[in-house]
Amino acid sequence: MEQDKAQKVRALIAEVVGFEQDEVQDGDRFIIDYNIAYGERKALLERLNTDFSKELDFAAFCALEDVGSVVRTYAA
């Protein structure tokens, strides 16, 4: 089940940043590797919180600098 959640998290990230899901790697960093803007990051947070019934705030989300940390947070 966790693997399914992890794949869903990666799929949402890929959708928001405009990459193919297989291009999204755990070590990828949002700012450096994806050049993700504030609005995109906010949209990703809202989608993840809704889809995974979490209430992570924006500051805490921004502290998650790479894909792997976001996957671990939402797929757990």
N, C-alpha and C. Protein backbone atom coordinates (compact mmCIF):
# COMPACT_ATOMS: atom_id res chain seq x y z
N MET A 1 0.83 -1.20 0.00
CA MET A 1 0.00 0.00 0.00
C MET A 1 0.87 1.27 0.00
N GLU A 2 1.95 1.28 0.79
CA GLU A 2 2.82 2.46 0.81
C GLU A 2 3.42 2.74 -0.55
N GLN A 3 3.76 1.67 -1.28
CA GLN A 3 4.34 1.84 -2.62
C GLN A 3 3.33 2.52 -3.55
N ASP A 4 2.06 2.13 -3.43
CA ASP A 4 1.01 2.77 -4.23
C ASP A 4 0.90 4.25 -3.90
N LYS A 5 0.96 4.57 -2.61
CA LYS A 5 0.92 5.97 -2.19
C LYS A 5 2.12 6.73 -2.72
N ALA A 6 3.28 6.12 -2.66
CA ALA A 6 4.51 6.77 -3.14
C ALA A 6 4.38 7.07 -4.64
N GLN A 7 3.85 6.13 -5.40
CA GLN A 7 3.67 6.35 -6.83
C GLN A 7 2.67 7.48 -7.09
N LYS A 8 1.63 7.55 -6.29
CA LYS A 8 0.64 8.61 -6.43
C LYS A 8 1.26 9.98 -6.13
N VAL A 9 2.09 10.04 -5.09
CA VAL A 9 2.78 11.29 -4.75
C VAL A 9 3.66 11.72 -5.92
N ARG A 10 4.44 10.79 -6.44
CA ARG A 10 5.31 11.12 -7.59
C ARG A 10 4.50 11.56 -8.80
N ALA A 11 3.36 10.93 -9.03
CA ALA A 11 2.51 11.31 -10.16
C ALA A 11 1.98 12.73 -10.00
N LEU A 12 1.58 13.10 -8.79
CA LEU A 12 1.10 14.47 -8.55
C LEU A 12 2.22 15.48 -8.74
N ILE A 13 3.40 15.15 -8.24
CA ILE A 13 4.55 16.04 -8.42
C ILE A 13 4.83 16.22 -9.90
N ALA A 14 4.87 15.12 -10.65
CA ALA A 14 5.13 15.18 -12.09
C ALA A 14 4.11 16.05 -12.80
N GLU A 15 2.85 15.90 -12.43
CA GLU A 15 1.79 16.69 -13.05
C GLU A 15 1.99 18.18 -12.80
N VAL A 16 2.30 18.54 -11.57
CA VAL A 16 2.44 19.95 -11.22
C VAL A 16 3.69 20.58 -11.84
N VAL A 17 4.80 19.84 -11.86
CA VAL A 17 6.05 20.42 -12.37
C VAL A 17 6.21 20.23 -13.88
N GLY A 18 5.31 19.45 -14.49
CA GLY A 18 5.34 19.30 -15.94
C GLY A 18 6.36 18.30 -16.45
N PHE A 19 6.66 17.29 -15.66
CA PHE A 19 7.58 16.23 -16.04
C PHE A 19 6.79 14.94 -16.21
N GLU A 20 7.42 13.95 -16.86
CA GLU A 20 6.85 12.61 -16.90
C GLU A 20 7.12 11.96 -15.54
N GLN A 21 6.22 11.10 -15.10
CA GLN A 21 6.37 10.49 -13.79
C GLN A 21 7.69 9.73 -13.65
N ASP A 22 8.14 9.06 -14.69
CA ASP A 22 9.39 8.30 -14.60
C ASP A 22 10.62 9.19 -14.54
N GLU A 23 10.46 10.48 -14.78
CA GLU A 23 11.57 11.43 -14.67
C GLU A 23 11.72 11.99 -13.26
N VAL A 24 10.73 11.78 -12.41
CA VAL A 24 10.72 12.31 -11.05
C VAL A 24 11.48 11.34 -10.14
N GLN A 25 12.60 11.81 -9.61
CA GLN A 25 13.48 10.98 -8.77
C GLN A 25 13.51 11.52 -7.35
N ASP A 26 13.73 10.62 -6.38
CA ASP A 26 13.72 11.02 -4.97
C ASP A 26 14.71 12.12 -4.63
N GLY A 27 15.85 12.15 -5.28
CA GLY A 27 16.86 13.16 -4.98
C GLY A 27 16.64 14.50 -5.65
N ASP A 28 15.64 14.59 -6.52
CA ASP A 28 15.36 15.85 -7.22
C ASP A 28 14.91 16.91 -6.23
N ARG A 29 15.46 18.11 -6.39
CA ARG A 29 15.11 19.23 -5.52
C ARG A 29 14.17 20.17 -6.27
N PHE A 30 13.16 20.63 -5.59
CA PHE A 30 12.11 21.43 -6.23
C PHE A 30 12.62 22.74 -6.81
N ILE A 31 13.40 23.47 -6.07
CA ILE A 31 13.86 24.77 -6.53
C ILE A 31 14.95 24.61 -7.59
N ILE A 32 15.94 23.79 -7.30
CA ILE A 32 17.11 23.67 -8.18
C ILE A 32 16.81 22.84 -9.43
N ASP A 33 16.22 21.66 -9.26
CA ASP A 33 16.02 20.76 -10.40
C ASP A 33 14.75 21.06 -11.20
N TYR A 34 13.72 21.54 -10.54
CA TYR A 34 12.45 21.77 -11.23
C TYR A 34 12.14 23.25 -11.44
N ASN A 35 12.89 24.12 -10.77
CA ASN A 35 12.65 25.56 -10.87
C ASN A 35 11.18 25.87 -10.58
N ILE A 36 10.65 25.23 -9.56
CA ILE A 36 9.23 25.35 -9.21
C ILE A 36 8.96 26.71 -8.58
N ALA A 37 7.95 27.37 -9.07
CA ALA A 37 7.57 28.70 -8.58
C ALA A 37 6.70 28.57 -7.33
N TYR A 38 6.55 29.67 -6.64
CA TYR A 38 5.75 29.72 -5.41
C TYR A 38 4.35 29.16 -5.65
N GLY A 39 3.70 29.61 -6.69
CA GLY A 39 2.32 29.18 -6.97
C GLY A 39 2.23 27.69 -7.25
N GLU A 40 3.21 27.16 -7.96
CA GLU A 40 3.23 25.72 -8.25
C GLU A 40 3.44 24.91 -6.97
N ARG A 41 4.31 25.41 -6.13
CA ARG A 41 4.57 24.71 -4.86
C ARG A 41 3.34 24.74 -3.97
N LYS A 42 2.67 25.87 -3.96
CA LYS A 42 1.44 26.01 -3.17
C LYS A 42 0.36 25.07 -3.72
N ALA A 43 0.23 25.01 -5.04
CA ALA A 43 -0.76 24.12 -5.67
C ALA A 43 -0.45 22.66 -5.36
N LEU A 44 0.83 22.30 -5.40
CA LEU A 44 1.23 20.93 -5.09
C LEU A 44 0.88 20.60 -3.64
N LEU A 45 1.17 21.49 -2.73
CA LEU A 45 0.84 21.28 -1.32
C LEU A 45 -0.66 21.06 -1.14
N GLU A 46 -1.46 21.89 -1.76
CA GLU A 46 -2.91 21.78 -1.63
C GLU A 46 -3.42 20.45 -2.17
N ARG A 47 -2.89 20.02 -3.33
CA ARG A 47 -3.30 18.74 -3.91
C ARG A 47 -2.89 17.58 -3.01
N LEU A 48 -1.65 17.61 -2.52
CA LEU A 48 -1.19 16.53 -1.65
C LEU A 48 -1.98 16.48 -0.35
N ASN A 49 -2.21 17.63 0.27
CA ASN A 49 -2.98 17.66 1.51
C ASN A 49 -4.39 17.12 1.29
N THR A 50 -5.01 17.48 0.19
CA THR A 50 -6.36 17.02 -0.11
C THR A 50 -6.37 15.52 -0.39
N ASP A 51 -5.51 15.08 -1.29
CA ASP A 51 -5.50 13.67 -1.70
C ASP A 51 -5.09 12.72 -0.59
N PHE A 52 -4.26 13.18 0.33
CA PHE A 52 -3.76 12.31 1.39
C PHE A 52 -4.28 12.68 2.77
N SER A 53 -5.28 13.56 2.83
CA SER A 53 -5.93 13.96 4.08
C SER A 53 -4.91 14.38 5.15
N LYS A 54 -3.99 15.25 4.75
CA LYS A 54 -3.01 15.80 5.69
C LYS A 54 -3.23 17.31 5.79
N GLU A 55 -2.64 17.90 6.79
CA GLU A 55 -2.76 19.34 6.98
C GLU A 55 -1.39 19.98 7.18
N LEU A 56 -0.45 19.62 6.33
CA LEU A 56 0.88 20.21 6.40
C LEU A 56 0.79 21.67 5.98
N ASP A 57 1.41 22.56 6.74
CA ASP A 57 1.36 23.97 6.35
C ASP A 57 2.48 24.29 5.36
N PHE A 58 2.39 25.46 4.75
CA PHE A 58 3.31 25.82 3.67
C PHE A 58 4.76 25.89 4.14
N ALA A 59 5.00 26.42 5.31
CA ALA A 59 6.38 26.52 5.82
C ALA A 59 6.99 25.13 6.01
N ALA A 60 6.21 24.21 6.57
CA ALA A 60 6.70 22.85 6.77
C ALA A 60 6.93 22.17 5.42
N PHE A 61 6.05 22.42 4.47
CA PHE A 61 6.19 21.84 3.14
C PHE A 61 7.45 22.36 2.46
N CYS A 62 7.73 23.63 2.59
CA CYS A 62 8.92 24.23 1.97
C CYS A 62 10.21 23.67 2.59
N ALA A 63 10.14 23.20 3.81
CA ALA A 63 11.31 22.59 4.45
C ALA A 63 11.64 21.24 3.82
N LEU A 64 10.68 20.65 3.11
CA LEU A 64 10.90 19.40 2.39
C LEU A 64 11.50 19.76 1.04
N GLU A 65 12.79 19.71 0.92
CA GLU A 65 13.47 20.26 -0.25
C GLU A 65 13.51 19.33 -1.45
N ASP A 66 13.33 18.02 -1.22
CA ASP A 66 13.44 17.11 -2.37
C ASP A 66 12.23 16.18 -2.45
N VAL A 67 12.14 15.50 -3.56
CA VAL A 67 11.01 14.61 -3.83
C VAL A 67 10.92 13.51 -2.78
N GLY A 68 12.05 12.93 -2.42
CA GLY A 68 12.06 11.84 -1.46
C GLY A 68 11.46 12.22 -0.12
N SER A 69 11.76 13.42 0.35
CA SER A 69 11.21 13.85 1.64
C SER A 69 9.70 14.06 1.56
N VAL A 70 9.22 14.53 0.42
CA VAL A 70 7.77 14.69 0.23
C VAL A 70 7.09 13.33 0.15
N VAL A 71 7.70 12.40 -0.59
CA VAL A 71 7.15 11.05 -0.69
C VAL A 71 7.07 10.41 0.69
N ARG A 72 8.14 10.49 1.48
CA ARG A 72 8.13 9.90 2.81
C ARG A 72 7.07 10.53 3.70
N THR A 73 6.87 11.83 3.58
CA THR A 73 5.88 12.52 4.40
C THR A 73 4.45 12.10 4.06
N TYR A 74 4.16 11.98 2.79
CA TYR A 74 2.78 11.71 2.37
C TYR A 74 2.47 10.22 2.20
N ALA A 75 3.46 9.38 1.97
CA ALA A 75 3.20 7.96 1.73
C ALA A 75 3.25 7.14 3.00
N ALA A 76 3.66 7.75 4.09
CA ALA A 76 3.77 7.02 5.36
C ALA A 76 2.42 6.65 5.93
